[in-house]
Amino acid sequence: MSDEDGAVSRAYGALAADATGYPSRISYLIGPTFTVVRVYGTVDPAAHPDEVLADLR
């Protein structure tokens, strides 16, 4: 998802605390009722897809 103005990153507290303004690597698993099921505060890009798929099972 694209977040060009950073509104979604700010809403979920995902903007970096440093001066770069880049979002942190945080993922949220959203359930079928649109609630946050799990927060992945530290994401390893190589392993993350498998982690999320395991949580979906």
PDB file of N, CA and C in Angstrom:
ATOM      1  N   MET A   1       0.836  -1.157   0.000  1.00  0.00           N
ATOM      2  CA  MET A   1       0.000   0.000   0.000  1.00  0.00           C
ATOM      3  C   MET A   1       0.890   1.232   0.000  1.00  0.00           C
ATOM      4  N   SER A   2       0.521   2.206  -0.726  1.00  0.00           N
ATOM      5  CA  SER A   2       1.276   3.450  -0.793  1.00  0.00           C
ATOM      6  C   SER A   2       0.752   4.436   0.250  1.00  0.00           C
ATOM      7  N   ASP A   3       1.672   5.126   0.896  1.00  0.00           N
ATOM      8  CA  ASP A   3       1.313   6.095   1.935  1.00  0.00           C
ATOM      9  C   ASP A   3       2.121   7.369   1.698  1.00  0.00           C
ATOM     10  N   GLU A   4       1.868   8.013   0.565  1.00  0.00           N
ATOM     11  CA  GLU A   4       2.695   9.139   0.129  1.00  0.00           C
ATOM     12  C   GLU A   4       2.768  10.283   1.128  1.00  0.00           C
ATOM     13  N   ASP A   5       1.691  10.584   1.814  1.00  0.00           N
ATOM     14  CA  ASP A   5       1.723  11.713   2.754  1.00  0.00           C
ATOM     15  C   ASP A   5       2.007  11.287   4.193  1.00  0.00           C
ATOM     16  N   GLY A   6       2.175   9.985   4.432  1.00  0.00           N
ATOM     17  CA  GLY A   6       2.520   9.482   5.753  1.00  0.00           C
ATOM     18  C   GLY A   6       1.359   9.409   6.735  1.00  0.00           C
ATOM     19  N   ALA A   7       0.140   9.644   6.278  1.00  0.00           N
ATOM     20  CA  ALA A   7      -1.020   9.645   7.174  1.00  0.00           C
ATOM     21  C   ALA A   7      -1.240   8.290   7.838  1.00  0.00           C
ATOM     22  N   VAL A   8      -1.121   7.223   7.076  1.00  0.00           N
ATOM     23  CA  VAL A   8      -1.337   5.887   7.638  1.00  0.00           C
ATOM     24  C   VAL A   8      -0.197   5.538   8.592  1.00  0.00           C
ATOM     25  N   SER A   9       1.031   5.871   8.225  1.00  0.00           N
ATOM     26  CA  SER A   9       2.179   5.609   9.096  1.00  0.00           C
ATOM     27  C   SER A   9       2.028   6.335  10.429  1.00  0.00           C
ATOM     28  N   ARG A  10       1.572   7.563  10.386  1.00  0.00           N
ATOM     29  CA  ARG A  10       1.353   8.306  11.633  1.00  0.00           C
ATOM     30  C   ARG A  10       0.227   7.679  12.452  1.00  0.00           C
ATOM     31  N   ALA A  11      -0.849   7.278  11.802  1.00  0.00           N
ATOM     32  CA  ALA A  11      -1.996   6.704  12.505  1.00  0.00           C
ATOM     33  C   ALA A  11      -1.631   5.420  13.236  1.00  0.00           C
ATOM     34  N   TYR A  12      -0.717   4.644  12.674  1.00  0.00           N
ATOM     35  CA  TYR A  12      -0.319   3.373  13.286  1.00  0.00           C
ATOM     36  C   TYR A  12       0.982   3.480  14.084  1.00  0.00           C
ATOM     37  N   GLY A  13       1.502   4.692  14.232  1.00  0.00           N
ATOM     38  CA  GLY A  13       2.726   4.872  15.004  1.00  0.00           C
ATOM     39  C   GLY A  13       3.941   4.251  14.358  1.00  0.00           C
ATOM     40  N   ALA A  14       3.993   4.250  13.044  1.00  0.00           N
ATOM     41  CA  ALA A  14       5.073   3.559  12.334  1.00  0.00           C
ATOM     42  C   ALA A  14       6.142   4.494  11.778  1.00  0.00           C
ATOM     43  N   LEU A  15       6.039   5.790  12.003  1.00  0.00           N
ATOM     44  CA  LEU A  15       7.098   6.672  11.525  1.00  0.00           C
ATOM     45  C   LEU A  15       8.312   6.542  12.423  1.00  0.00           C
ATOM     46  N   ALA A  16       9.482   6.564  11.824  1.00  0.00           N
ATOM     47  CA  ALA A  16      10.728   6.426  12.578  1.00  0.00           C
ATOM     48  C   ALA A  16      10.880   7.586  13.554  1.00  0.00           C
ATOM     49  N   ALA A  17      11.471   7.305  14.692  1.00  0.00           N
ATOM     50  CA  ALA A  17      11.673   8.329  15.713  1.00  0.00           C
ATOM     51  C   ALA A  17      12.812   9.276  15.350  1.00  0.00           C
ATOM     52  N   ASP A  18      13.673   8.865  14.429  1.00  0.00           N
ATOM     53  CA  ASP A  18      14.788   9.730  14.058  1.00  0.00           C
ATOM     54  C   ASP A  18      14.344  10.788  13.044  1.00  0.00           C
ATOM     55  N   ALA A  19      15.252  11.592  12.609  1.00  0.00           N
ATOM     56  CA  ALA A  19      14.926  12.721  11.736  1.00  0.00           C
ATOM     57  C   ALA A  19      14.674  12.332  10.280  1.00  0.00           C
ATOM     58  N   THR A  20      14.872  11.070   9.924  1.00  0.00           N
ATOM     59  CA  THR A  20      14.708  10.680   8.524  1.00  0.00           C
ATOM     60  C   THR A  20      13.265  10.780   8.058  1.00  0.00           C
ATOM     61  N   GLY A  21      12.331  10.501   8.951  1.00  0.00           N
ATOM     62  CA  GLY A  21      10.926  10.541   8.575  1.00  0.00           C
ATOM     63  C   GLY A  21      10.459   9.316   7.825  1.00  0.00           C
ATOM     64  N   TYR A  22      11.358   8.347   7.634  1.00  0.00           N
ATOM     65  CA  TYR A  22      10.968   7.118   6.955  1.00  0.00           C
ATOM     66  C   TYR A  22      10.176   6.224   7.906  1.00  0.00           C
ATOM     67  N   PRO A  23       9.241   5.465   7.369  1.00  0.00           N
ATOM     68  CA  PRO A  23       8.497   4.554   8.244  1.00  0.00           C
ATOM     69  C   PRO A  23       9.370   3.389   8.698  1.00  0.00           C
ATOM     70  N   SER A  24       9.064   2.905   9.891  1.00  0.00           N
ATOM     71  CA  SER A  24       9.740   1.719  10.407  1.00  0.00           C
ATOM     72  C   SER A  24       9.181   0.488   9.705  1.00  0.00           C
ATOM     73  N   ARG A  25       9.914  -0.603   9.767  1.00  0.00           N
ATOM     74  CA  ARG A  25       9.416  -1.859   9.201  1.00  0.00           C
ATOM     75  C   ARG A  25       8.529  -2.526  10.231  1.00  0.00           C
ATOM     76  N   ILE A  26       7.283  -2.165  10.197  1.00  0.00           N
ATOM     77  CA  ILE A  26       6.284  -2.739  11.090  1.00  0.00           C
ATOM     78  C   ILE A  26       5.169  -3.276  10.211  1.00  0.00           C
ATOM     79  N   SER A  27       4.697  -4.462  10.534  1.00  0.00           N
ATOM     80  CA  SER A  27       3.563  -5.033   9.802  1.00  0.00           C
ATOM     81  C   SER A  27       2.421  -5.273  10.768  1.00  0.00           C
ATOM     82  N   TYR A  28       1.223  -5.159  10.251  1.00  0.00           N
ATOM     83  CA  TYR A  28       0.021  -5.428  11.031  1.00  0.00           C
ATOM     84  C   TYR A  28      -0.788  -6.476  10.295  1.00  0.00           C
ATOM     85  N   LEU A  29      -1.195  -7.506  10.998  1.00  0.00           N
ATOM     86  CA  LEU A  29      -2.078  -8.515  10.435  1.00  0.00           C
ATOM     87  C   LEU A  29      -3.498  -8.107  10.816  1.00  0.00           C
ATOM     88  N   ILE A  30      -4.296  -7.810   9.817  1.00  0.00           N
ATOM     89  CA  ILE A  30      -5.668  -7.350  10.021  1.00  0.00           C
ATOM     90  C   ILE A  30      -6.610  -8.525   9.778  1.00  0.00           C
ATOM     91  N   GLY A  31      -7.489  -8.776  10.731  1.00  0.00           N
ATOM     92  CA  GLY A  31      -8.417  -9.898  10.643  1.00  0.00           C
ATOM     93  C   GLY A  31      -9.638  -9.582   9.808  1.00  0.00           C
ATOM     94  N   PRO A  32     -10.492 -10.574   9.606  1.00  0.00           N
ATOM     95  CA  PRO A  32     -11.672 -10.417   8.751  1.00  0.00           C
ATOM     96  C   PRO A  32     -12.685  -9.398   9.291  1.00  0.00           C
ATOM     97  N   THR A  33     -12.591  -9.074  10.588  1.00  0.00           N
ATOM     98  CA  THR A  33     -13.493  -8.059  11.149  1.00  0.00           C
ATOM     99  C   THR A  33     -12.799  -6.698  11.230  1.00  0.00           C
ATOM    100  N   PHE A  34     -11.687  -6.569  10.512  1.00  0.00           N
ATOM    101  CA  PHE A  34     -10.924  -5.320  10.405  1.00  0.00           C
ATOM    102  C   PHE A  34     -10.297  -4.885  11.727  1.00  0.00           C
ATOM    103  N   THR A  35      -9.973  -5.849  12.570  1.00  0.00           N
ATOM    104  CA  THR A  35      -9.256  -5.567  13.810  1.00  0.00           C
ATOM    105  C   THR A  35      -7.815  -6.042  13.659  1.00  0.00           C
ATOM    106  N   VAL A  36      -6.923  -5.414  14.401  1.00  0.00           N
ATOM    107  CA  VAL A  36      -5.518  -5.820  14.372  1.00  0.00           C
ATOM    108  C   VAL A  36      -5.385  -7.115  15.157  1.00  0.00           C
ATOM    109  N   VAL A  37      -4.937  -8.159  14.461  1.00  0.00           N
ATOM    110  CA  VAL A  37      -4.785  -9.475  15.061  1.00  0.00           C
ATOM    111  C   VAL A  37      -3.380  -9.643  15.641  1.00  0.00           C
ATOM    112  N   ARG A  38      -2.391  -9.095  14.942  1.00  0.00           N
ATOM    113  CA  ARG A  38      -1.005  -9.231  15.390  1.00  0.00           C
ATOM    114  C   ARG A  38      -0.191  -8.057  14.876  1.00  0.00           C
ATOM    115  N   VAL A  39       0.743  -7.614  15.698  1.00  0.00           N
ATOM    116  CA  VAL A  39       1.685  -6.562  15.325  1.00  0.00           C
ATOM    117  C   VAL A  39       3.063  -7.200  15.235  1.00  0.00           C
ATOM    118  N   TYR A  40       3.719  -6.991  14.122  1.00  0.00           N
ATOM    119  CA  TYR A  40       5.088  -7.465  13.923  1.00  0.00           C
ATOM    120  C   TYR A  40       5.994  -6.239  14.042  1.00  0.00           C
ATOM    121  N   GLY A  41       6.510  -5.993  15.235  1.00  0.00           N
ATOM    122  CA  GLY A  41       7.295  -4.790  15.489  1.00  0.00           C
ATOM    123  C   GLY A  41       8.689  -4.831  14.901  1.00  0.00           C
ATOM    124  N   THR A  42       9.225  -6.013  14.738  1.00  0.00           N
ATOM    125  CA  THR A  42      10.535  -6.195  14.117  1.00  0.00           C
ATOM    126  C   THR A  42      10.355  -7.155  12.959  1.00  0.00           C
ATOM    127  N   VAL A  43      10.712  -6.701  11.777  1.00  0.00           N
ATOM    128  CA  VAL A  43      10.465  -7.493  10.579  1.00  0.00           C
ATOM    129  C   VAL A  43      11.773  -7.813   9.873  1.00  0.00           C
ATOM    130  N   ASP A  44      12.001  -9.094   9.630  1.00  0.00           N
ATOM    131  CA  ASP A  44      13.119  -9.548   8.804  1.00  0.00           C
ATOM    132  C   ASP A  44      12.524  -9.813   7.424  1.00  0.00           C
ATOM    133  N   PRO A  45      12.827  -8.970   6.434  1.00  0.00           N
ATOM    134  CA  PRO A  45      12.192  -9.113   5.122  1.00  0.00           C
ATOM    135  C   PRO A  45      12.315 -10.502   4.505  1.00  0.00           C
ATOM    136  N   ALA A  46      13.398 -11.217   4.783  1.00  0.00           N
ATOM    137  CA  ALA A  46      13.583 -12.542   4.196  1.00  0.00           C
ATOM    138  C   ALA A  46      12.659 -13.585   4.827  1.00  0.00           C
ATOM    139  N   ALA A  47      12.383 -13.463   6.112  1.00  0.00           N
ATOM    140  CA  ALA A  47      11.597 -14.471   6.819  1.00  0.00           C
ATOM    141  C   ALA A  47      10.140 -14.067   7.044  1.00  0.00           C
ATOM    142  N   HIS A  48       9.847 -12.795   6.879  1.00  0.00           N
ATOM    143  CA  HIS A  48       8.526 -12.284   7.241  1.00  0.00           C
ATOM    144  C   HIS A  48       7.361 -12.917   6.473  1.00  0.00           C
ATOM    145  N   PRO A  49       7.467 -13.123   5.176  1.00  0.00           N
ATOM    146  CA  PRO A  49       6.329 -13.740   4.472  1.00  0.00           C
ATOM    147  C   PRO A  49       5.930 -15.102   5.068  1.00  0.00           C
ATOM    148  N   ASP A  50       6.908 -15.921   5.389  1.00  0.00           N
ATOM    149  CA  ASP A  50       6.616 -17.232   5.969  1.00  0.00           C
ATOM    150  C   ASP A  50       5.999 -17.095   7.368  1.00  0.00           C
ATOM    151  N   GLU A  51       6.455 -16.112   8.129  1.00  0.00           N
ATOM    152  CA  GLU A  51       5.918 -15.866   9.457  1.00  0.00           C
ATOM    153  C   GLU A  51       4.424 -15.493   9.383  1.00  0.00           C
ATOM    154  N   VAL A  52       4.109 -14.602   8.464  1.00  0.00           N
ATOM    155  CA  VAL A  52       2.709 -14.171   8.305  1.00  0.00           C
ATOM    156  C   VAL A  52       1.848 -15.335   7.798  1.00  0.00           C
ATOM    157  N   LEU A  53       2.343 -16.070   6.830  1.00  0.00           N
ATOM    158  CA  LEU A  53       1.581 -17.212   6.313  1.00  0.00           C
ATOM    159  C   LEU A  53       1.312 -18.235   7.418  1.00  0.00           C
ATOM    160  N   ALA A  54       2.288 -18.458   8.301  1.00  0.00           N
ATOM    161  CA  ALA A  54       2.091 -19.391   9.406  1.00  0.00           C
ATOM    162  C   ALA A  54       0.998 -18.874  10.354  1.00  0.00           C
ATOM    163  N   ASP A  55       0.955 -17.576  10.575  1.00  0.00           N
ATOM    164  CA  ASP A  55      -0.056 -17.006  11.450  1.00  0.00           C
ATOM    165  C   ASP A  55      -1.445 -17.024  10.831  1.00  0.00           C
ATOM    166  N   LEU A  56      -1.529 -17.110   9.538  1.00  0.00           N
ATOM    167  CA  LEU A  56      -2.823 -17.160   8.857  1.00  0.00           C
ATOM    168  C   LEU A  56      -3.443 -18.561   8.934  1.00  0.00           C
ATOM    169  N   ARG A  57      -2.656 -19.539   9.257  1.00  0.00           N
ATOM    170  CA  ARG A  57      -3.155 -20.924   9.300  1.00  0.00           C
ATOM    171  C   ARG A  57      -3.855 -21.216  10.556  1.00  0.00           C
TER     172      ARG A  57
END
